[in-house]
């Protein structure tokens, strides 16, 4: 049971790491889109 719990915790930790990395990339893309719209709006 301890080994199974350790494996489950490791699996969930990796899932959290993947989620955080994907979220960072998506936030970066969103920030780039917002910056682009902001620059376009300011220019306009």
ModelCIF file with pLDDT and N, C-alpha, C, O atoms, coordinates in Angstrom:
data_MODEL
#
_entry.id   MODEL 
#
_entity.id                         1 
_entity.type                       polymer 
_entity.pdbx_number_of_molecules   1 
#
_entity_poly.entity_id                      1 
_entity_poly.type                           'polypeptide(L)' 
_entity_poly.nstd_linkage                   no 
_entity_poly.nstd_monomer                   no 
_entity_poly.pdbx_seq_one_letter_code       
;(UNK)(UNK)(UNK)(UNK)(UNK)(UNK)(UNK)(UNK)(UNK)(UNK)(UNK)(UNK)(UNK)(UNK)(UNK)(UNK)
(UNK)(UNK)(UNK)(UNK)(UNK)(UNK)(UNK)(UNK)(UNK)(UNK)(UNK)(UNK)(UNK)(UNK)(UNK)(UNK)
(UNK)(UNK)(UNK)(UNK)(UNK)(UNK)(UNK)(UNK)(UNK)(UNK)(UNK)(UNK)
;
_entity_poly.pdbx_seq_one_letter_code_can   XXXXXXXXXXXXXXXXXXXXXXXXXXXXXXXXXXXXXXXXXXXX 
_entity_poly.pdbx_strand_id                 A 
#
loop_
_entity_poly_seq.entity_id 
_entity_poly_seq.num 
_entity_poly_seq.mon_id 
_entity_poly_seq.hetero 
1 1  UNK n 
1 2  UNK n 
1 3  UNK n 
1 4  UNK n 
1 5  UNK n 
1 6  UNK n 
1 7  UNK n 
1 8  UNK n 
1 9  UNK n 
1 10 UNK n 
1 11 UNK n 
1 12 UNK n 
1 13 UNK n 
1 14 UNK n 
1 15 UNK n 
1 16 UNK n 
1 17 UNK n 
1 18 UNK n 
1 19 UNK n 
1 20 UNK n 
1 21 UNK n 
1 22 UNK n 
1 23 UNK n 
1 24 UNK n 
1 25 UNK n 
1 26 UNK n 
1 27 UNK n 
1 28 UNK n 
1 29 UNK n 
1 30 UNK n 
1 31 UNK n 
1 32 UNK n 
1 33 UNK n 
1 34 UNK n 
1 35 UNK n 
1 36 UNK n 
1 37 UNK n 
1 38 UNK n 
1 39 UNK n 
1 40 UNK n 
1 41 UNK n 
1 42 UNK n 
1 43 UNK n 
1 44 UNK n 
#
_struct_asym.id          A 
_struct_asym.entity_id   1 
#
loop_
_ma_qa_metric.id 
_ma_qa_metric.mode 
_ma_qa_metric.name 
_ma_qa_metric.software_group_id 
_ma_qa_metric.type 
1 global pLDDT . pLDDT 
2 local  pLDDT . pLDDT 
#
_ma_qa_metric_global.metric_id      1 
_ma_qa_metric_global.metric_value   93.23 
_ma_qa_metric_global.model_id       1 
_ma_qa_metric_global.ordinal_id     1 
#
loop_
_ma_qa_metric_local.label_asym_id 
_ma_qa_metric_local.label_comp_id 
_ma_qa_metric_local.label_seq_id 
_ma_qa_metric_local.metric_id 
_ma_qa_metric_local.metric_value 
_ma_qa_metric_local.model_id 
_ma_qa_metric_local.ordinal_id 
A UNK 1  2 94.00 1 1  
A UNK 2  2 94.00 1 2  
A UNK 3  2 95.00 1 3  
A UNK 4  2 94.00 1 4  
A UNK 5  2 95.00 1 5  
A UNK 6  2 95.00 1 6  
A UNK 7  2 95.00 1 7  
A UNK 8  2 95.00 1 8  
A UNK 9  2 95.00 1 9  
A UNK 10 2 95.00 1 10 
A UNK 11 2 95.00 1 11 
A UNK 12 2 95.00 1 12 
A UNK 13 2 95.00 1 13 
A UNK 14 2 95.00 1 14 
A UNK 15 2 95.00 1 15 
A UNK 16 2 95.00 1 16 
A UNK 17 2 94.00 1 17 
A UNK 18 2 95.00 1 18 
A UNK 19 2 95.00 1 19 
A UNK 20 2 94.00 1 20 
A UNK 21 2 94.00 1 21 
A UNK 22 2 94.00 1 22 
A UNK 23 2 93.00 1 23 
A UNK 24 2 93.00 1 24 
A UNK 25 2 94.00 1 25 
A UNK 26 2 94.00 1 26 
A UNK 27 2 93.00 1 27 
A UNK 28 2 93.00 1 28 
A UNK 29 2 93.00 1 29 
A UNK 30 2 93.00 1 30 
A UNK 31 2 92.00 1 31 
A UNK 32 2 93.00 1 32 
A UNK 33 2 92.00 1 33 
A UNK 34 2 92.00 1 34 
A UNK 35 2 93.00 1 35 
A UNK 36 2 92.00 1 36 
A UNK 37 2 91.00 1 37 
A UNK 38 2 90.00 1 38 
A UNK 39 2 90.00 1 39 
A UNK 40 2 90.00 1 40 
A UNK 41 2 90.00 1 41 
A UNK 42 2 89.00 1 42 
A UNK 43 2 89.00 1 43 
A UNK 44 2 90.00 1 44 
#
loop_
_atom_site.group_PDB 
_atom_site.id 
_atom_site.type_symbol 
_atom_site.label_atom_id 
_atom_site.label_alt_id 
_atom_site.label_comp_id 
_atom_site.label_asym_id 
_atom_site.label_entity_id 
_atom_site.label_seq_id 
_atom_site.pdbx_PDB_ins_code 
_atom_site.Cartn_x 
_atom_site.Cartn_y 
_atom_site.Cartn_z 
_atom_site.occupancy 
_atom_site.B_iso_or_equiv 
_atom_site.pdbx_formal_charge 
_atom_site.auth_seq_id 
_atom_site.auth_comp_id 
_atom_site.auth_asym_id 
_atom_site.auth_atom_id 
_atom_site.pdbx_PDB_model_num 
ATOM 1   N N  . UNK A 1 1  ? 0.825  -1.209 0.000   1.00 94.00 ? 1  UNK A N  1 
ATOM 2   C CA . UNK A 1 1  ? 0.000  0.000  0.000   1.00 94.00 ? 1  UNK A CA 1 
ATOM 3   C C  . UNK A 1 1  ? 0.860  1.260  0.000   1.00 94.00 ? 1  UNK A C  1 
ATOM 4   O O  . UNK A 1 1  ? 0.545  2.237  -0.680  1.00 94.00 ? 1  UNK A O  1 
ATOM 5   N N  . UNK A 1 2  ? 1.956  1.228  0.775   1.00 94.00 ? 2  UNK A N  1 
ATOM 6   C CA . UNK A 1 2  ? 2.861  2.385  0.795   1.00 94.00 ? 2  UNK A CA 1 
ATOM 7   C C  . UNK A 1 2  ? 3.481  2.630  -0.573  1.00 94.00 ? 2  UNK A C  1 
ATOM 8   O O  . UNK A 1 2  ? 3.577  3.767  -1.035  1.00 94.00 ? 2  UNK A O  1 
ATOM 9   N N  . UNK A 1 3  ? 3.902  1.535  -1.213  1.00 95.00 ? 3  UNK A N  1 
ATOM 10  C CA . UNK A 1 3  ? 4.487  1.681  -2.553  1.00 95.00 ? 3  UNK A CA 1 
ATOM 11  C C  . UNK A 1 3  ? 3.458  2.210  -3.544  1.00 95.00 ? 3  UNK A C  1 
ATOM 12  O O  . UNK A 1 3  ? 3.764  3.057  -4.383  1.00 95.00 ? 3  UNK A O  1 
ATOM 13  N N  . UNK A 1 4  ? 2.211  1.691  -3.433  1.00 94.00 ? 4  UNK A N  1 
ATOM 14  C CA . UNK A 1 4  ? 1.157  2.177  -4.332  1.00 94.00 ? 4  UNK A CA 1 
ATOM 15  C C  . UNK A 1 4  ? 0.873  3.653  -4.095  1.00 94.00 ? 4  UNK A C  1 
ATOM 16  O O  . UNK A 1 4  ? 0.672  4.413  -5.042  1.00 94.00 ? 4  UNK A O  1 
ATOM 17  N N  . UNK A 1 5  ? 0.858  4.065  -2.806  1.00 95.00 ? 5  UNK A N  1 
ATOM 18  C CA . UNK A 1 5  ? 0.642  5.479  -2.502  1.00 95.00 ? 5  UNK A CA 1 
ATOM 19  C C  . UNK A 1 5  ? 1.786  6.338  -3.025  1.00 95.00 ? 5  UNK A C  1 
ATOM 20  O O  . UNK A 1 5  ? 1.552  7.431  -3.541  1.00 95.00 ? 5  UNK A O  1 
ATOM 21  N N  . UNK A 1 6  ? 3.030  5.854  -2.897  1.00 95.00 ? 6  UNK A N  1 
ATOM 22  C CA . UNK A 1 6  ? 4.159  6.607  -3.431  1.00 95.00 ? 6  UNK A CA 1 
ATOM 23  C C  . UNK A 1 6  ? 4.070  6.747  -4.947  1.00 95.00 ? 6  UNK A C  1 
ATOM 24  O O  . UNK A 1 6  ? 4.341  7.812  -5.501  1.00 95.00 ? 6  UNK A O  1 
ATOM 25  N N  . UNK A 1 7  ? 3.683  5.647  -5.615  1.00 95.00 ? 7  UNK A N  1 
ATOM 26  C CA . UNK A 1 7  ? 3.532  5.720  -7.075  1.00 95.00 ? 7  UNK A CA 1 
ATOM 27  C C  . UNK A 1 7  ? 2.416  6.690  -7.462  1.00 95.00 ? 7  UNK A C  1 
ATOM 28  O O  . UNK A 1 7  ? 2.555  7.457  -8.415  1.00 95.00 ? 7  UNK A O  1 
ATOM 29  N N  . UNK A 1 8  ? 1.291  6.649  -6.705  1.00 95.00 ? 8  UNK A N  1 
ATOM 30  C CA . UNK A 1 8  ? 0.193  7.554  -7.010  1.00 95.00 ? 8  UNK A CA 1 
ATOM 31  C C  . UNK A 1 8  ? 0.606  9.002  -6.777  1.00 95.00 ? 8  UNK A C  1 
ATOM 32  O O  . UNK A 1 8  ? 0.284  9.879  -7.579  1.00 95.00 ? 8  UNK A O  1 
ATOM 33  N N  . UNK A 1 9  ? 1.326  9.257  -5.668  1.00 95.00 ? 9  UNK A N  1 
ATOM 34  C CA . UNK A 1 9  ? 1.782  10.628 -5.392  1.00 95.00 ? 9  UNK A CA 1 
ATOM 35  C C  . UNK A 1 9  ? 2.745  11.107 -6.471  1.00 95.00 ? 9  UNK A C  1 
ATOM 36  O O  . UNK A 1 9  ? 2.676  12.256 -6.907  1.00 95.00 ? 9  UNK A O  1 
ATOM 37  N N  . UNK A 1 10 ? 3.653  10.213 -6.902  1.00 95.00 ? 10 UNK A N  1 
ATOM 38  C CA . UNK A 1 10 ? 4.590  10.586 -7.968  1.00 95.00 ? 10 UNK A CA 1 
ATOM 39  C C  . UNK A 1 10 ? 3.850  10.871 -9.267  1.00 95.00 ? 10 UNK A C  1 
ATOM 40  O O  . UNK A 1 10 ? 4.184  11.808 -9.993  1.00 95.00 ? 10 UNK A O  1 
ATOM 41  N N  . UNK A 1 11 ? 2.827  10.042 -9.555  1.00 95.00 ? 11 UNK A N  1 
ATOM 42  C CA . UNK A 1 11 ? 2.038  10.245 -10.775 1.00 95.00 ? 11 UNK A CA 1 
ATOM 43  C C  . UNK A 1 11 ? 1.312  11.590 -10.738 1.00 95.00 ? 11 UNK A C  1 
ATOM 44  O O  . UNK A 1 11 ? 1.307  12.339 -11.715 1.00 95.00 ? 11 UNK A O  1 
ATOM 45  N N  . UNK A 1 12 ? 0.697  11.879 -9.579  1.00 95.00 ? 12 UNK A N  1 
ATOM 46  C CA . UNK A 1 12 ? -0.028 13.149 -9.460  1.00 95.00 ? 12 UNK A CA 1 
ATOM 47  C C  . UNK A 1 12 ? 0.928  14.348 -9.498  1.00 95.00 ? 12 UNK A C  1 
ATOM 48  O O  . UNK A 1 12 ? 0.594  15.405 -10.032 1.00 95.00 ? 12 UNK A O  1 
ATOM 49  N N  . UNK A 1 13 ? 2.114  14.164 -8.927  1.00 95.00 ? 13 UNK A N  1 
ATOM 50  C CA . UNK A 1 13 ? 3.108  15.236 -8.991  1.00 95.00 ? 13 UNK A CA 1 
ATOM 51  C C  . UNK A 1 13 ? 3.527  15.509 -10.428 1.00 95.00 ? 13 UNK A C  1 
ATOM 52  O O  . UNK A 1 13 ? 3.679  16.661 -10.834 1.00 95.00 ? 13 UNK A O  1 
ATOM 53  N N  . UNK A 1 14 ? 3.710  14.445 -11.187 1.00 95.00 ? 14 UNK A N  1 
ATOM 54  C CA . UNK A 1 14 ? 4.058  14.636 -12.600 1.00 95.00 ? 14 UNK A CA 1 
ATOM 55  C C  . UNK A 1 14 ? 2.912  15.280 -13.365 1.00 95.00 ? 14 UNK A C  1 
ATOM 56  O O  . UNK A 1 14 ? 3.133  16.123 -14.234 1.00 95.00 ? 14 UNK A O  1 
ATOM 57  N N  . UNK A 1 15 ? 1.657  14.870 -13.031 1.00 95.00 ? 15 UNK A N  1 
ATOM 58  C CA . UNK A 1 15 ? 0.512  15.511 -13.684 1.00 95.00 ? 15 UNK A CA 1 
ATOM 59  C C  . UNK A 1 15 ? 0.465  16.997 -13.365 1.00 95.00 ? 15 UNK A C  1 
ATOM 60  O O  . UNK A 1 15 ? 0.180  17.814 -14.241 1.00 95.00 ? 15 UNK A O  1 
ATOM 61  N N  . UNK A 1 16 ? 0.746  17.352 -12.108 1.00 95.00 ? 16 UNK A N  1 
ATOM 62  C CA . UNK A 1 16 ? 0.773  18.771 -11.727 1.00 95.00 ? 16 UNK A CA 1 
ATOM 63  C C  . UNK A 1 16 ? 1.877  19.519 -12.462 1.00 95.00 ? 16 UNK A C  1 
ATOM 64  O O  . UNK A 1 16 ? 1.695  20.662 -12.882 1.00 95.00 ? 16 UNK A O  1 
ATOM 65  N N  . UNK A 1 17 ? 3.038  18.852 -12.615 1.00 94.00 ? 17 UNK A N  1 
ATOM 66  C CA . UNK A 1 17 ? 4.132  19.489 -13.339 1.00 94.00 ? 17 UNK A CA 1 
ATOM 67  C C  . UNK A 1 17 ? 3.750  19.734 -14.795 1.00 94.00 ? 17 UNK A C  1 
ATOM 68  O O  . UNK A 1 17 ? 4.011  20.801 -15.350 1.00 94.00 ? 17 UNK A O  1 
ATOM 69  N N  . UNK A 1 18 ? 3.124  18.720 -15.404 1.00 95.00 ? 18 UNK A N  1 
ATOM 70  C CA . UNK A 1 18 ? 2.686  18.883 -16.798 1.00 95.00 ? 18 UNK A CA 1 
ATOM 71  C C  . UNK A 1 18 ? 1.638  19.994 -16.907 1.00 95.00 ? 18 UNK A C  1 
ATOM 72  O O  . UNK A 1 18 ? 1.672  20.804 -17.833 1.00 95.00 ? 18 UNK A O  1 
ATOM 73  N N  . UNK A 1 19 ? 0.695  20.021 -15.935 1.00 95.00 ? 19 UNK A N  1 
ATOM 74  C CA . UNK A 1 19 ? -0.339 21.061 -15.949 1.00 95.00 ? 19 UNK A CA 1 
ATOM 75  C C  . UNK A 1 19 ? 0.274  22.445 -15.823 1.00 95.00 ? 19 UNK A C  1 
ATOM 76  O O  . UNK A 1 19 ? -0.107 23.366 -16.545 1.00 95.00 ? 19 UNK A O  1 
ATOM 77  N N  . UNK A 1 20 ? 1.220  22.593 -14.910 1.00 94.00 ? 20 UNK A N  1 
ATOM 78  C CA . UNK A 1 20 ? 1.863  23.902 -14.726 1.00 94.00 ? 20 UNK A CA 1 
ATOM 79  C C  . UNK A 1 20 ? 2.631  24.328 -15.971 1.00 94.00 ? 20 UNK A C  1 
ATOM 80  O O  . UNK A 1 20 ? 2.592  25.495 -16.359 1.00 94.00 ? 20 UNK A O  1 
ATOM 81  N N  . UNK A 1 21 ? 3.330  23.381 -16.598 1.00 94.00 ? 21 UNK A N  1 
ATOM 82  C CA . UNK A 1 21 ? 4.092  23.725 -17.796 1.00 94.00 ? 21 UNK A CA 1 
ATOM 83  C C  . UNK A 1 21 ? 3.170  24.120 -18.941 1.00 94.00 ? 21 UNK A C  1 
ATOM 84  O O  . UNK A 1 21 ? 3.414  25.094 -19.653 1.00 94.00 ? 21 UNK A O  1 
ATOM 85  N N  . UNK A 1 22 ? 2.090  23.327 -19.101 1.00 94.00 ? 22 UNK A N  1 
ATOM 86  C CA . UNK A 1 22 ? 1.142  23.669 -20.175 1.00 94.00 ? 22 UNK A CA 1 
ATOM 87  C C  . UNK A 1 22 ? 0.473  25.013 -19.887 1.00 94.00 ? 22 UNK A C  1 
ATOM 88  O O  . UNK A 1 22 ? 0.270  25.816 -20.798 1.00 94.00 ? 22 UNK A O  1 
ATOM 89  N N  . UNK A 1 23 ? 0.131  25.260 -18.614 1.00 93.00 ? 23 UNK A N  1 
ATOM 90  C CA . UNK A 1 23 ? -0.489 26.537 -18.237 1.00 93.00 ? 23 UNK A CA 1 
ATOM 91  C C  . UNK A 1 23 ? 0.449  27.708 -18.504 1.00 93.00 ? 23 UNK A C  1 
ATOM 92  O O  . UNK A 1 23 ? 0.012  28.765 -18.961 1.00 93.00 ? 23 UNK A O  1 
ATOM 93  N N  . UNK A 1 24 ? 1.738  27.522 -18.218 1.00 93.00 ? 24 UNK A N  1 
ATOM 94  C CA . UNK A 1 24 ? 2.698  28.580 -18.482 1.00 93.00 ? 24 UNK A CA 1 
ATOM 95  C C  . UNK A 1 24 ? 2.745  28.905 -19.968 1.00 93.00 ? 24 UNK A C  1 
ATOM 96  O O  . UNK A 1 24 ? 2.748  30.069 -20.368 1.00 93.00 ? 24 UNK A O  1 
ATOM 97  N N  . UNK A 1 25 ? 2.782  27.834 -20.786 1.00 94.00 ? 25 UNK A N  1 
ATOM 98  C CA . UNK A 1 25 ? 2.840  28.081 -22.236 1.00 94.00 ? 25 UNK A CA 1 
ATOM 99  C C  . UNK A 1 25 ? 1.557  28.760 -22.739 1.00 94.00 ? 25 UNK A C  1 
ATOM 100 O O  . UNK A 1 25 ? 1.599  29.662 -23.576 1.00 94.00 ? 25 UNK A O  1 
ATOM 101 N N  . UNK A 1 26 ? 0.408  28.295 -22.200 1.00 94.00 ? 26 UNK A N  1 
ATOM 102 C CA . UNK A 1 26 ? -0.845 28.932 -22.609 1.00 94.00 ? 26 UNK A CA 1 
ATOM 103 C C  . UNK A 1 26 ? -0.926 30.375 -22.119 1.00 94.00 ? 26 UNK A C  1 
ATOM 104 O O  . UNK A 1 26 ? -1.390 31.253 -22.846 1.00 94.00 ? 26 UNK A O  1 
ATOM 105 N N  . UNK A 1 27 ? -0.475 30.622 -20.887 1.00 93.00 ? 27 UNK A N  1 
ATOM 106 C CA . UNK A 1 27 ? -0.440 32.004 -20.380 1.00 93.00 ? 27 UNK A CA 1 
ATOM 107 C C  . UNK A 1 27 ? 0.486  32.868 -21.214 1.00 93.00 ? 27 UNK A C  1 
ATOM 108 O O  . UNK A 1 27 ? 0.209  34.043 -21.454 1.00 93.00 ? 27 UNK A O  1 
ATOM 109 N N  . UNK A 1 28 ? 1.575  32.283 -21.648 1.00 93.00 ? 28 UNK A N  1 
ATOM 110 C CA . UNK A 1 28 ? 2.491  33.037 -22.510 1.00 93.00 ? 28 UNK A CA 1 
ATOM 111 C C  . UNK A 1 28 ? 1.820  33.412 -23.821 1.00 93.00 ? 28 UNK A C  1 
ATOM 112 O O  . UNK A 1 28 ? 1.941  34.536 -24.309 1.00 93.00 ? 28 UNK A O  1 
ATOM 113 N N  . UNK A 1 29 ? 1.093  32.418 -24.389 1.00 93.00 ? 29 UNK A N  1 
ATOM 114 C CA . UNK A 1 29 ? 0.402  32.710 -25.655 1.00 93.00 ? 29 UNK A CA 1 
ATOM 115 C C  . UNK A 1 29 ? -0.684 33.769 -25.442 1.00 93.00 ? 29 UNK A C  1 
ATOM 116 O O  . UNK A 1 29 ? -0.852 34.670 -26.263 1.00 93.00 ? 29 UNK A O  1 
ATOM 117 N N  . UNK A 1 30 ? -1.424 33.648 -24.320 1.00 93.00 ? 30 UNK A N  1 
ATOM 118 C CA . UNK A 1 30 ? -2.467 34.641 -24.030 1.00 93.00 ? 30 UNK A CA 1 
ATOM 119 C C  . UNK A 1 30 ? -1.847 36.021 -23.832 1.00 93.00 ? 30 UNK A C  1 
ATOM 120 O O  . UNK A 1 30 ? -2.358 37.023 -24.332 1.00 93.00 ? 30 UNK A O  1 
ATOM 121 N N  . UNK A 1 31 ? -0.727 36.058 -23.088 1.00 92.00 ? 31 UNK A N  1 
ATOM 122 C CA . UNK A 1 31 ? -0.058 37.340 -22.864 1.00 92.00 ? 31 UNK A CA 1 
ATOM 123 C C  . UNK A 1 31 ? 0.427  37.933 -24.181 1.00 92.00 ? 31 UNK A C  1 
ATOM 124 O O  . UNK A 1 31 ? 0.338  39.142 -24.396 1.00 92.00 ? 31 UNK A O  1 
ATOM 125 N N  . UNK A 1 32 ? 0.942  37.073 -25.064 1.00 93.00 ? 32 UNK A N  1 
ATOM 126 C CA . UNK A 1 32 ? 1.379  37.564 -26.368 1.00 93.00 ? 32 UNK A CA 1 
ATOM 127 C C  . UNK A 1 32 ? 0.206  38.113 -27.166 1.00 93.00 ? 32 UNK A C  1 
ATOM 128 O O  . UNK A 1 32 ? 0.317  39.160 -27.804 1.00 93.00 ? 32 UNK A O  1 
ATOM 129 N N  . UNK A 1 33 ? -0.937 37.393 -27.129 1.00 92.00 ? 33 UNK A N  1 
ATOM 130 C CA . UNK A 1 33 ? -2.112 37.886 -27.853 1.00 92.00 ? 33 UNK A CA 1 
ATOM 131 C C  . UNK A 1 33 ? -2.618 39.213 -27.266 1.00 92.00 ? 33 UNK A C  1 
ATOM 132 O O  . UNK A 1 33 ? -2.961 40.144 -27.995 1.00 92.00 ? 33 UNK A O  1 
ATOM 133 N N  . UNK A 1 34 ? -2.653 39.271 -25.911 1.00 92.00 ? 34 UNK A N  1 
ATOM 134 C CA . UNK A 1 34 ? -3.099 40.527 -25.277 1.00 92.00 ? 34 UNK A CA 1 
ATOM 135 C C  . UNK A 1 34 ? -2.161 41.694 -25.598 1.00 92.00 ? 34 UNK A C  1 
ATOM 136 O O  . UNK A 1 34 ? -2.600 42.812 -25.867 1.00 92.00 ? 34 UNK A O  1 
ATOM 137 N N  . UNK A 1 35 ? -0.857 41.400 -25.562 1.00 93.00 ? 35 UNK A N  1 
ATOM 138 C CA . UNK A 1 35 ? 0.100  42.441 -25.880 1.00 93.00 ? 35 UNK A CA 1 
ATOM 139 C C  . UNK A 1 35 ? -0.050 42.913 -27.326 1.00 93.00 ? 35 UNK A C  1 
ATOM 140 O O  . UNK A 1 35 ? 0.037  44.101 -27.639 1.00 93.00 ? 35 UNK A O  1 
ATOM 141 N N  . UNK A 1 36 ? -0.278 41.927 -28.184 1.00 92.00 ? 36 UNK A N  1 
ATOM 142 C CA . UNK A 1 36 ? -0.451 42.273 -29.595 1.00 92.00 ? 36 UNK A CA 1 
ATOM 143 C C  . UNK A 1 36 ? -1.691 43.161 -29.778 1.00 92.00 ? 36 UNK A C  1 
ATOM 144 O O  . UNK A 1 36 ? -1.643 44.173 -30.477 1.00 92.00 ? 36 UNK A O  1 
ATOM 145 N N  . UNK A 1 37 ? -2.827 42.757 -29.123 1.00 91.00 ? 37 UNK A N  1 
ATOM 146 C CA . UNK A 1 37 ? -4.045 43.565 -29.231 1.00 91.00 ? 37 UNK A CA 1 
ATOM 147 C C  . UNK A 1 37 ? -3.845 44.948 -28.615 1.00 91.00 ? 37 UNK A C  1 
ATOM 148 O O  . UNK A 1 37 ? -4.335 45.950 -29.136 1.00 91.00 ? 37 UNK A O  1 
ATOM 149 N N  . UNK A 1 38 ? -3.102 44.986 -27.474 1.00 90.00 ? 38 UNK A N  1 
ATOM 150 C CA . UNK A 1 38 ? -2.849 46.270 -26.830 1.00 90.00 ? 38 UNK A CA 1 
ATOM 151 C C  . UNK A 1 38 ? -2.014 47.179 -27.721 1.00 90.00 ? 38 UNK A C  1 
ATOM 152 O O  . UNK A 1 38 ? -2.296 48.371 -27.844 1.00 90.00 ? 38 UNK A O  1 
ATOM 153 N N  . UNK A 1 39 ? -1.005 46.622 -28.329 1.00 90.00 ? 39 UNK A N  1 
ATOM 154 C CA . UNK A 1 39 ? -0.168 47.430 -29.230 1.00 90.00 ? 39 UNK A CA 1 
ATOM 155 C C  . UNK A 1 39 ? -0.977 47.906 -30.448 1.00 90.00 ? 39 UNK A C  1 
ATOM 156 O O  . UNK A 1 39 ? -0.868 49.052 -30.883 1.00 90.00 ? 39 UNK A O  1 
ATOM 157 N N  . UNK A 1 40 ? -1.789 46.984 -30.978 1.00 90.00 ? 40 UNK A N  1 
ATOM 158 C CA . UNK A 1 40 ? -2.607 47.378 -32.130 1.00 90.00 ? 40 UNK A CA 1 
ATOM 159 C C  . UNK A 1 40 ? -3.596 48.476 -31.743 1.00 90.00 ? 40 UNK A C  1 
ATOM 160 O O  . UNK A 1 40 ? -3.814 49.434 -32.485 1.00 90.00 ? 40 UNK A O  1 
ATOM 161 N N  . UNK A 1 41 ? -4.202 48.306 -30.529 1.00 90.00 ? 41 UNK A N  1 
ATOM 162 C CA . UNK A 1 41 ? -5.162 49.319 -30.086 1.00 90.00 ? 41 UNK A CA 1 
ATOM 163 C C  . UNK A 1 41 ? -4.483 50.662 -29.849 1.00 90.00 ? 41 UNK A C  1 
ATOM 164 O O  . UNK A 1 41 ? -5.011 51.702 -30.241 1.00 90.00 ? 41 UNK A O  1 
ATOM 165 N N  . UNK A 1 42 ? -3.307 50.645 -29.204 1.00 89.00 ? 42 UNK A N  1 
ATOM 166 C CA . UNK A 1 42 ? -2.580 51.898 -28.982 1.00 89.00 ? 42 UNK A CA 1 
ATOM 167 C C  . UNK A 1 42 ? -2.180 52.554 -30.311 1.00 89.00 ? 42 UNK A C  1 
ATOM 168 O O  . UNK A 1 42 ? -2.301 53.764 -30.500 1.00 89.00 ? 42 UNK A O  1 
ATOM 169 N N  . UNK A 1 43 ? -1.706 51.711 -31.207 1.00 89.00 ? 43 UNK A N  1 
ATOM 170 C CA . UNK A 1 43 ? -1.325 52.252 -32.516 1.00 89.00 ? 43 UNK A CA 1 
ATOM 171 C C  . UNK A 1 43 ? -2.523 52.863 -33.233 1.00 89.00 ? 43 UNK A C  1 
ATOM 172 O O  . UNK A 1 43 ? -2.431 53.917 -33.863 1.00 89.00 ? 43 UNK A O  1 
ATOM 173 N N  . UNK A 1 44 ? -3.685 52.141 -33.109 1.00 90.00 ? 44 UNK A N  1 
ATOM 174 C CA . UNK A 1 44 ? -4.881 52.666 -33.762 1.00 90.00 ? 44 UNK A CA 1 
ATOM 175 C C  . UNK A 1 44 ? -5.308 53.994 -33.126 1.00 90.00 ? 44 UNK A C  1 
ATOM 176 O O  . UNK A 1 44 ? -6.300 54.589 -33.546 1.00 90.00 ? 44 UNK A O  1 
#
